[in-house]
Amino acid sequence: MSRFLLFISLMILAYALMPELAFASVEGTLTAIQAKVVNVILPLVAILGLLYAAFSFISGNPNARSHLIFAIIGCIVGFGAQSIVNFIRDLVN
């Protein structure tokens, strides 16, 4: 089951990134991949982590509190990723 889930995850990731890989410009490709990761993948992973923490909490898992804390941190990173990237980019330039 875990191999199947890994395979499906890799296929979704490849499908999400494939159109951007056809461009000839490396900078354009990296910008497109960054935009796809920051705007699609990170928020999706944050939401899935929050759902996992909620199901863990509902099922009475003793580690539910740590799952919830990590999910909230993931949501903060996932939804604030574009701002974090822009902040770091402004510091470097």
PDB file of N, CA and C in Angstrom:
ATOM      1  N   MET A   1       0.818  -1.189   0.000  1.00  0.00           N
ATOM      2  CA  MET A   1       0.000   0.000   0.000  1.00  0.00           C
ATOM      3  C   MET A   1       0.866   1.259   0.000  1.00  0.00           C
ATOM      4  N   SER A   2       1.969   1.254   0.754  1.00  0.00           N
ATOM      5  CA  SER A   2       2.805   2.448   0.812  1.00  0.00           C
ATOM      6  C   SER A   2       3.531   2.687  -0.518  1.00  0.00           C
ATOM      7  N   ARG A   3       3.889   1.621  -1.219  1.00  0.00           N
ATOM      8  CA  ARG A   3       4.521   1.799  -2.536  1.00  0.00           C
ATOM      9  C   ARG A   3       3.541   2.401  -3.529  1.00  0.00           C
ATOM     10  N   PHE A   4       2.293   1.958  -3.453  1.00  0.00           N
ATOM     11  CA  PHE A   4       1.273   2.497  -4.335  1.00  0.00           C
ATOM     12  C   PHE A   4       1.054   3.974  -4.048  1.00  0.00           C
ATOM     13  N   LEU A   5       0.995   4.342  -2.766  1.00  0.00           N
ATOM     14  CA  LEU A   5       0.806   5.736  -2.391  1.00  0.00           C
ATOM     15  C   LEU A   5       1.994   6.591  -2.832  1.00  0.00           C
ATOM     16  N   LEU A   6       3.195   6.068  -2.691  1.00  0.00           N
ATOM     17  CA  LEU A   6       4.384   6.769  -3.157  1.00  0.00           C
ATOM     18  C   LEU A   6       4.355   6.953  -4.671  1.00  0.00           C
ATOM     19  N   PHE A   7       3.960   5.922  -5.391  1.00  0.00           N
ATOM     20  CA  PHE A   7       3.876   6.000  -6.848  1.00  0.00           C
ATOM     21  C   PHE A   7       2.853   7.048  -7.275  1.00  0.00           C
ATOM     22  N   ILE A   8       1.686   7.049  -6.654  1.00  0.00           N
ATOM     23  CA  ILE A   8       0.650   8.025  -6.999  1.00  0.00           C
ATOM     24  C   ILE A   8       1.139   9.440  -6.682  1.00  0.00           C
ATOM     25  N   SER A   9       1.805   9.611  -5.540  1.00  0.00           N
ATOM     26  CA  SER A   9       2.322  10.933  -5.172  1.00  0.00           C
ATOM     27  C   SER A   9       3.351  11.428  -6.183  1.00  0.00           C
ATOM     28  N   LEU A  10       4.245  10.545  -6.604  1.00  0.00           N
ATOM     29  CA  LEU A  10       5.250  10.937  -7.600  1.00  0.00           C
ATOM     30  C   LEU A  10       4.613  11.262  -8.945  1.00  0.00           C
ATOM     31  N   MET A  11       3.584  10.521  -9.322  1.00  0.00           N
ATOM     32  CA  MET A  11       2.903  10.798 -10.592  1.00  0.00           C
ATOM     33  C   MET A  11       2.186  12.151 -10.545  1.00  0.00           C
ATOM     34  N   ILE A  12       1.555  12.472  -9.434  1.00  0.00           N
ATOM     35  CA  ILE A  12       0.881  13.764  -9.304  1.00  0.00           C
ATOM     36  C   ILE A  12       1.903  14.892  -9.348  1.00  0.00           C
ATOM     37  N   LEU A  13       3.015  14.711  -8.660  1.00  0.00           N
ATOM     38  CA  LEU A  13       4.071  15.720  -8.673  1.00  0.00           C
ATOM     39  C   LEU A  13       4.647  15.907 -10.073  1.00  0.00           C
ATOM     40  N   ALA A  14       4.887  14.809 -10.779  1.00  0.00           N
ATOM     41  CA  ALA A  14       5.409  14.902 -12.149  1.00  0.00           C
ATOM     42  C   ALA A  14       4.405  15.577 -13.068  1.00  0.00           C
ATOM     43  N   TYR A  15       3.134  15.249 -12.909  1.00  0.00           N
ATOM     44  CA  TYR A  15       2.098  15.860 -13.735  1.00  0.00           C
ATOM     45  C   TYR A  15       1.993  17.361 -13.452  1.00  0.00           C
ATOM     46  N   ALA A  16       2.168  17.745 -12.194  1.00  0.00           N
ATOM     47  CA  ALA A  16       2.061  19.157 -11.833  1.00  0.00           C
ATOM     48  C   ALA A  16       3.242  19.967 -12.359  1.00  0.00           C
ATOM     49  N   LEU A  17       4.409  19.346 -12.478  1.00  0.00           N
ATOM     50  CA  LEU A  17       5.612  20.079 -12.864  1.00  0.00           C
ATOM     51  C   LEU A  17       5.975  19.949 -14.340  1.00  0.00           C
ATOM     52  N   MET A  18       5.398  19.009 -15.060  1.00  0.00           N
ATOM     53  CA  MET A  18       5.796  18.738 -16.444  1.00  0.00           C
ATOM     54  C   MET A  18       5.646  19.917 -17.406  1.00  0.00           C
ATOM     55  N   PRO A  19       4.529  20.644 -17.434  1.00  0.00           N
ATOM     56  CA  PRO A  19       4.431  21.718 -18.436  1.00  0.00           C
ATOM     57  C   PRO A  19       5.524  22.771 -18.300  1.00  0.00           C
ATOM     58  N   GLU A  20       5.969  23.038 -17.095  1.00  0.00           N
ATOM     59  CA  GLU A  20       6.984  24.065 -16.891  1.00  0.00           C
ATOM     60  C   GLU A  20       8.367  23.598 -17.326  1.00  0.00           C
ATOM     61  N   LEU A  21       8.601  22.308 -17.395  1.00  0.00           N
ATOM     62  CA  LEU A  21       9.912  21.799 -17.766  1.00  0.00           C
ATOM     63  C   LEU A  21      10.201  21.933 -19.261  1.00  0.00           C
ATOM     64  N   ALA A  22       9.199  22.264 -20.072  1.00  0.00           N
ATOM     65  CA  ALA A  22       9.394  22.367 -21.512  1.00  0.00           C
ATOM     66  C   ALA A  22      10.005  23.705 -21.929  1.00  0.00           C
ATOM     67  N   PHE A  23      10.016  24.692 -21.056  1.00  0.00           N
ATOM     68  CA  PHE A  23      10.579  25.988 -21.401  1.00  0.00           C
ATOM     69  C   PHE A  23      12.099  25.896 -21.514  1.00  0.00           C
ATOM     70  N   ALA A  24      12.677  26.737 -22.398  1.00  0.00           N
ATOM     71  CA  ALA A  24      14.117  26.692 -22.618  1.00  0.00           C
ATOM     72  C   ALA A  24      14.885  27.482 -21.558  1.00  0.00           C
ATOM     73  N   SER A  25      14.263  28.458 -20.935  1.00  0.00           N
ATOM     74  CA  SER A  25      14.932  29.303 -19.958  1.00  0.00           C
ATOM     75  C   SER A  25      14.977  28.608 -18.595  1.00  0.00           C
ATOM     76  N   VAL A  26      16.163  28.536 -18.032  1.00  0.00           N
ATOM     77  CA  VAL A  26      16.309  27.909 -16.717  1.00  0.00           C
ATOM     78  C   VAL A  26      15.664  28.772 -15.643  1.00  0.00           C
ATOM     79  N   GLU A  27      15.857  30.077 -15.727  1.00  0.00           N
ATOM     80  CA  GLU A  27      15.280  30.967 -14.725  1.00  0.00           C
ATOM     81  C   GLU A  27      13.756  30.930 -14.766  1.00  0.00           C
ATOM     82  N   GLY A  28      13.203  30.910 -15.968  1.00  0.00           N
ATOM     83  CA  GLY A  28      11.753  30.826 -16.105  1.00  0.00           C
ATOM     84  C   GLY A  28      11.212  29.512 -15.562  1.00  0.00           C
ATOM     85  N   THR A  29      11.962  28.429 -15.801  1.00  0.00           N
ATOM     86  CA  THR A  29      11.540  27.127 -15.303  1.00  0.00           C
ATOM     87  C   THR A  29      11.576  27.093 -13.781  1.00  0.00           C
ATOM     88  N   LEU A  30      12.640  27.611 -13.193  1.00  0.00           N
ATOM     89  CA  LEU A  30      12.738  27.620 -11.745  1.00  0.00           C
ATOM     90  C   LEU A  30      11.670  28.505 -11.109  1.00  0.00           C
ATOM     91  N   THR A  31      11.368  29.620 -11.732  1.00  0.00           N
ATOM     92  CA  THR A  31      10.314  30.493 -11.231  1.00  0.00           C
ATOM     93  C   THR A  31       8.960  29.813 -11.313  1.00  0.00           C
ATOM     94  N   ALA A  32       8.714  29.106 -12.412  1.00  0.00           N
ATOM     95  CA  ALA A  32       7.442  28.400 -12.564  1.00  0.00           C
ATOM     96  C   ALA A  32       7.319  27.258 -11.558  1.00  0.00           C
ATOM     97  N   ILE A  33       8.398  26.532 -11.341  1.00  0.00           N
ATOM     98  CA  ILE A  33       8.369  25.438 -10.367  1.00  0.00           C
ATOM     99  C   ILE A  33       8.181  25.999  -8.963  1.00  0.00           C
ATOM    100  N   GLN A  34       8.858  27.103  -8.646  1.00  0.00           N
ATOM    101  CA  GLN A  34       8.687  27.734  -7.335  1.00  0.00           C
ATOM    102  C   GLN A  34       7.242  28.176  -7.149  1.00  0.00           C
ATOM    103  N   ALA A  35       6.662  28.777  -8.167  1.00  0.00           N
ATOM    104  CA  ALA A  35       5.277  29.223  -8.068  1.00  0.00           C
ATOM    105  C   ALA A  35       4.336  28.042  -7.860  1.00  0.00           C
ATOM    106  N   LYS A  36       4.586  26.944  -8.562  1.00  0.00           N
ATOM    107  CA  LYS A  36       3.734  25.763  -8.422  1.00  0.00           C
ATOM    108  C   LYS A  36       3.860  25.168  -7.025  1.00  0.00           C
ATOM    109  N   VAL A  37       5.087  25.101  -6.510  1.00  0.00           N
ATOM    110  CA  VAL A  37       5.302  24.534  -5.171  1.00  0.00           C
ATOM    111  C   VAL A  37       4.687  25.430  -4.106  1.00  0.00           C
ATOM    112  N   VAL A  38       4.923  26.739  -4.209  1.00  0.00           N
ATOM    113  CA  VAL A  38       4.464  27.663  -3.174  1.00  0.00           C
ATOM    114  C   VAL A  38       2.955  27.845  -3.214  1.00  0.00           C
ATOM    115  N   ASN A  39       2.373  27.905  -4.396  1.00  0.00           N
ATOM    116  CA  ASN A  39       0.951  28.211  -4.512  1.00  0.00           C
ATOM    117  C   ASN A  39       0.044  26.985  -4.505  1.00  0.00           C
ATOM    118  N   VAL A  40       0.570  25.795  -4.808  1.00  0.00           N
ATOM    119  CA  VAL A  40      -0.282  24.617  -4.904  1.00  0.00           C
ATOM    120  C   VAL A  40       0.111  23.543  -3.899  1.00  0.00           C
ATOM    121  N   ILE A  41       1.362  23.137  -3.924  1.00  0.00           N
ATOM    122  CA  ILE A  41       1.772  21.954  -3.171  1.00  0.00           C
ATOM    123  C   ILE A  41       1.845  22.235  -1.674  1.00  0.00           C
ATOM    124  N   LEU A  42       2.474  23.333  -1.252  1.00  0.00           N
ATOM    125  CA  LEU A  42       2.595  23.620   0.176  1.00  0.00           C
ATOM    126  C   LEU A  42       1.243  23.806   0.869  1.00  0.00           C
ATOM    127  N   PRO A  43       0.312  24.584   0.307  1.00  0.00           N
ATOM    128  CA  PRO A  43      -0.996  24.672   0.962  1.00  0.00           C
ATOM    129  C   PRO A  43      -1.744  23.339   0.983  1.00  0.00           C
ATOM    130  N   LEU A  44      -1.597  22.537  -0.071  1.00  0.00           N
ATOM    131  CA  LEU A  44      -2.253  21.232  -0.100  1.00  0.00           C
ATOM    132  C   LEU A  44      -1.703  20.316   0.985  1.00  0.00           C
ATOM    133  N   VAL A  45      -0.400  20.311   1.154  1.00  0.00           N
ATOM    134  CA  VAL A  45       0.216  19.490   2.203  1.00  0.00           C
ATOM    135  C   VAL A  45      -0.183  20.004   3.585  1.00  0.00           C
ATOM    136  N   ALA A  46      -0.280  21.313   3.747  1.00  0.00           N
ATOM    137  CA  ALA A  46      -0.694  21.874   5.032  1.00  0.00           C
ATOM    138  C   ALA A  46      -2.122  21.463   5.373  1.00  0.00           C
ATOM    139  N   ILE A  47      -3.020  21.510   4.408  1.00  0.00           N
ATOM    140  CA  ILE A  47      -4.409  21.103   4.639  1.00  0.00           C
ATOM    141  C   ILE A  47      -4.482  19.615   4.947  1.00  0.00           C
ATOM    142  N   LEU A  48      -3.733  18.786   4.213  1.00  0.00           N
ATOM    143  CA  LEU A  48      -3.738  17.346   4.490  1.00  0.00           C
ATOM    144  C   LEU A  48      -3.185  17.044   5.879  1.00  0.00           C
ATOM    145  N   GLY A  49      -2.172  17.773   6.303  1.00  0.00           N
ATOM    146  CA  GLY A  49      -1.637  17.605   7.651  1.00  0.00           C
ATOM    147  C   GLY A  49      -2.651  17.987   8.711  1.00  0.00           C
ATOM    148  N   LEU A  50      -3.399  19.045   8.451  1.00  0.00           N
ATOM    149  CA  LEU A  50      -4.439  19.457   9.393  1.00  0.00           C
ATOM    150  C   LEU A  50      -5.560  18.428   9.468  1.00  0.00           C
ATOM    151  N   LEU A  51      -5.924  17.861   8.329  1.00  0.00           N
ATOM    152  CA  LEU A  51      -6.936  16.797   8.325  1.00  0.00           C
ATOM    153  C   LEU A  51      -6.449  15.562   9.075  1.00  0.00           C
ATOM    154  N   TYR A  52      -5.184  15.201   8.878  1.00  0.00           N
ATOM    155  CA  TYR A  52      -4.616  14.059   9.597  1.00  0.00           C
ATOM    156  C   TYR A  52      -4.623  14.308  11.095  1.00  0.00           C
ATOM    157  N   ALA A  53      -4.268  15.521  11.505  1.00  0.00           N
ATOM    158  CA  ALA A  53      -4.269  15.854  12.926  1.00  0.00           C
ATOM    159  C   ALA A  53      -5.682  15.813  13.496  1.00  0.00           C
ATOM    160  N   ALA A  54      -6.645  16.271  12.723  1.00  0.00           N
ATOM    161  CA  ALA A  54      -8.037  16.235  13.184  1.00  0.00           C
ATOM    162  C   ALA A  54      -8.517  14.797  13.356  1.00  0.00           C
ATOM    163  N   PHE A  55      -8.229  13.930  12.385  1.00  0.00           N
ATOM    164  CA  PHE A  55      -8.626  12.530  12.513  1.00  0.00           C
ATOM    165  C   PHE A  55      -7.881  11.866  13.665  1.00  0.00           C
ATOM    166  N   SER A  56      -6.654  12.229  13.880  1.00  0.00           N
ATOM    167  CA  SER A  56      -5.890  11.699  14.998  1.00  0.00           C
ATOM    168  C   SER A  56      -6.511  12.132  16.323  1.00  0.00           C
ATOM    169  N   PHE A  57      -6.931  13.376  16.390  1.00  0.00           N
ATOM    170  CA  PHE A  57      -7.559  13.895  17.600  1.00  0.00           C
ATOM    171  C   PHE A  57      -8.904  13.221  17.855  1.00  0.00           C
ATOM    172  N   ILE A  58      -9.699  13.038  16.795  1.00  0.00           N
ATOM    173  CA  ILE A  58     -11.013  12.413  16.928  1.00  0.00           C
ATOM    174  C   ILE A  58     -10.893  10.949  17.347  1.00  0.00           C
ATOM    175  N   SER A  59      -9.892  10.256  16.825  1.00  0.00           N
ATOM    176  CA  SER A  59      -9.733   8.837  17.145  1.00  0.00           C
ATOM    177  C   SER A  59      -9.125   8.603  18.517  1.00  0.00           C
ATOM    178  N   GLY A  60      -8.676   9.647  19.205  1.00  0.00           N
ATOM    179  CA  GLY A  60      -8.141   9.506  20.544  1.00  0.00           C
ATOM    180  C   GLY A  60      -6.682   9.088  20.598  1.00  0.00           C
ATOM    181  N   ASN A  61      -5.937   9.387  19.579  1.00  0.00           N
ATOM    182  CA  ASN A  61      -4.515   9.074  19.549  1.00  0.00           C
ATOM    183  C   ASN A  61      -3.796   9.883  20.635  1.00  0.00           C
ATOM    184  N   PRO A  62      -2.921   9.236  21.416  1.00  0.00           N
ATOM    185  CA  PRO A  62      -2.216   9.992  22.469  1.00  0.00           C
ATOM    186  C   PRO A  62      -1.254  11.050  21.920  1.00  0.00           C
ATOM    187  N   ASN A  63      -0.831  10.933  20.678  1.00  0.00           N
ATOM    188  CA  ASN A  63       0.063  11.915  20.060  1.00  0.00           C
ATOM    189  C   ASN A  63      -0.696  12.987  19.286  1.00  0.00           C
ATOM    190  N   ALA A  64      -1.996  13.092  19.493  1.00  0.00           N
ATOM    191  CA  ALA A  64      -2.821  14.005  18.711  1.00  0.00           C
ATOM    192  C   ALA A  64      -2.428  15.463  18.925  1.00  0.00           C
ATOM    193  N   ARG A  65      -2.020  15.792  20.138  1.00  0.00           N
ATOM    194  CA  ARG A  65      -1.646  17.183  20.405  1.00  0.00           C
ATOM    195  C   ARG A  65      -0.411  17.584  19.601  1.00  0.00           C
ATOM    196  N   SER A  66       0.584  16.713  19.549  1.00  0.00           N
ATOM    197  CA  SER A  66       1.775  17.040  18.761  1.00  0.00           C
ATOM    198  C   SER A  66       1.443  17.063  17.274  1.00  0.00           C
ATOM    199  N   HIS A  67       0.543  16.181  16.824  1.00  0.00           N
ATOM    200  CA  HIS A  67       0.122  16.214  15.417  1.00  0.00           C
ATOM    201  C   HIS A  67      -0.535  17.550  15.094  1.00  0.00           C
ATOM    202  N   LEU A  68      -1.370  18.014  16.002  1.00  0.00           N
ATOM    203  CA  LEU A  68      -2.066  19.279  15.783  1.00  0.00           C
ATOM    204  C   LEU A  68      -1.099  20.459  15.761  1.00  0.00           C
ATOM    205  N   ILE A  69      -0.126  20.447  16.649  1.00  0.00           N
ATOM    206  CA  ILE A  69       0.872  21.525  16.676  1.00  0.00           C
ATOM    207  C   ILE A  69       1.676  21.539  15.376  1.00  0.00           C
ATOM    208  N   PHE A  70       2.114  20.351  14.934  1.00  0.00           N
ATOM    209  CA  PHE A  70       2.866  20.283  13.683  1.00  0.00           C
ATOM    210  C   PHE A  70       2.003  20.688  12.486  1.00  0.00           C
ATOM    211  N   ALA A  71       0.725  20.334  12.511  1.00  0.00           N
ATOM    212  CA  ALA A  71      -0.174  20.709  11.417  1.00  0.00           C
ATOM    213  C   ALA A  71      -0.372  22.220  11.369  1.00  0.00           C
ATOM    214  N   ILE A  72      -0.486  22.846  12.522  1.00  0.00           N
ATOM    215  CA  ILE A  72      -0.646  24.304  12.551  1.00  0.00           C
ATOM    216  C   ILE A  72       0.622  24.988  12.059  1.00  0.00           C
ATOM    217  N   ILE A  73       1.776  24.488  12.465  1.00  0.00           N
ATOM    218  CA  ILE A  73       3.041  25.033  11.956  1.00  0.00           C
ATOM    219  C   ILE A  73       3.128  24.828  10.441  1.00  0.00           C
ATOM    220  N   GLY A  74       2.688  23.668   9.963  1.00  0.00           N
ATOM    221  CA  GLY A  74       2.666  23.406   8.521  1.00  0.00           C
ATOM    222  C   GLY A  74       1.745  24.346   7.779  1.00  0.00           C
ATOM    223  N   CYS A  75       0.592  24.651   8.370  1.00  0.00           N
ATOM    224  CA  CYS A  75      -0.332  25.607   7.740  1.00  0.00           C
ATOM    225  C   CYS A  75       0.272  27.000   7.682  1.00  0.00           C
ATOM    226  N   ILE A  76       0.943  27.397   8.752  1.00  0.00           N
ATOM    227  CA  ILE A  76       1.580  28.713   8.759  1.00  0.00           C
ATOM    228  C   ILE A  76       2.648  28.788   7.671  1.00  0.00           C
ATOM    229  N   VAL A  77       3.454  27.745   7.563  1.00  0.00           N
ATOM    230  CA  VAL A  77       4.491  27.721   6.528  1.00  0.00           C
ATOM    231  C   VAL A  77       3.866  27.618   5.142  1.00  0.00           C
ATOM    232  N   GLY A  78       2.856  26.758   4.987  1.00  0.00           N
ATOM    233  CA  GLY A  78       2.233  26.551   3.680  1.00  0.00           C
ATOM    234  C   GLY A  78       1.541  27.784   3.142  1.00  0.00           C
ATOM    235  N   PHE A  79       0.773  28.449   3.989  1.00  0.00           N
ATOM    236  CA  PHE A  79       0.045  29.621   3.521  1.00  0.00           C
ATOM    237  C   PHE A  79       0.894  30.896   3.539  1.00  0.00           C
ATOM    238  N   GLY A  80       1.953  30.899   4.331  1.00  0.00           N
ATOM    239  CA  GLY A  80       2.822  32.066   4.361  1.00  0.00           C
ATOM    240  C   GLY A  80       4.081  31.903   3.543  1.00  0.00           C
ATOM    241  N   ALA A  81       4.161  30.842   2.758  1.00  0.00           N
ATOM    242  CA  ALA A  81       5.384  30.533   2.023  1.00  0.00           C
ATOM    243  C   ALA A  81       5.757  31.633   1.031  1.00  0.00           C
ATOM    244  N   GLN A  82       4.780  32.158   0.328  1.00  0.00           N
ATOM    245  CA  GLN A  82       5.090  33.200  -0.651  1.00  0.00           C
ATOM    246  C   GLN A  82       5.650  34.440   0.030  1.00  0.00           C
ATOM    247  N   SER A  83       5.095  34.802   1.162  1.00  0.00           N
ATOM    248  CA  SER A  83       5.614  35.953   1.908  1.00  0.00           C
ATOM    249  C   SER A  83       7.012  35.681   2.444  1.00  0.00           C
ATOM    250  N   ILE A  84       7.240  34.453   2.916  1.00  0.00           N
ATOM    251  CA  ILE A  84       8.562  34.083   3.421  1.00  0.00           C
ATOM    252  C   ILE A  84       9.594  34.137   2.296  1.00  0.00           C
ATOM    253  N   VAL A  85       9.238  33.602   1.126  1.00  0.00           N
ATOM    254  CA  VAL A  85      10.151  33.614  -0.018  1.00  0.00           C
ATOM    255  C   VAL A  85      10.444  35.046  -0.452  1.00  0.00           C
ATOM    256  N   ASN A  86       9.418  35.885  -0.514  1.00  0.00           N
ATOM    257  CA  ASN A  86       9.630  37.286  -0.901  1.00  0.00           C
ATOM    258  C   ASN A  86      10.492  38.017   0.116  1.00  0.00           C
ATOM    259  N   PHE A  87      10.309  37.744   1.403  1.00  0.00           N
ATOM    260  CA  PHE A  87      11.117  38.370   2.452  1.00  0.00           C
ATOM    261  C   PHE A  87      12.583  37.983   2.309  1.00  0.00           C
ATOM    262  N   ILE A  88      12.849  36.704   2.109  1.00  0.00           N
ATOM    263  CA  ILE A  88      14.236  36.235   1.947  1.00  0.00           C
ATOM    264  C   ILE A  88      14.841  36.790   0.663  1.00  0.00           C
ATOM    265  N   ARG A  89      14.051  36.845  -0.404  1.00  0.00           N
ATOM    266  CA  ARG A  89      14.539  37.401  -1.664  1.00  0.00           C
ATOM    267  C   ARG A  89      14.904  38.865  -1.516  1.00  0.00           C
ATOM    268  N   ASP A  90      14.099  39.622  -0.765  1.00  0.00           N
ATOM    269  CA  ASP A  90      14.417  41.038  -0.532  1.00  0.00           C
ATOM    270  C   ASP A  90      15.655  41.210   0.328  1.00  0.00           C
ATOM    271  N   LEU A  91      15.880  40.288   1.269  1.00  0.00           N
ATOM    272  CA  LEU A  91      17.085  40.370   2.097  1.00  0.00           C
ATOM    273  C   LEU A  91      18.347  40.072   1.288  1.00  0.00           C
ATOM    274  N   VAL A  92      18.251  39.153   0.347  1.00  0.00           N
ATOM    275  CA  VAL A  92      19.421  38.767  -0.451  1.00  0.00           C
ATOM    276  C   VAL A  92      19.744  39.847  -1.483  1.00  0.00           C
ATOM    277  N   ASN A  93      18.729  40.428  -2.101  1.00  0.00           N
ATOM    278  CA  ASN A  93      18.982  41.429  -3.140  1.00  0.00           C
ATOM    279  C   ASN A  93      19.329  42.713  -2.542  1.00  0.00           C
TER     280      ASN A  93
END
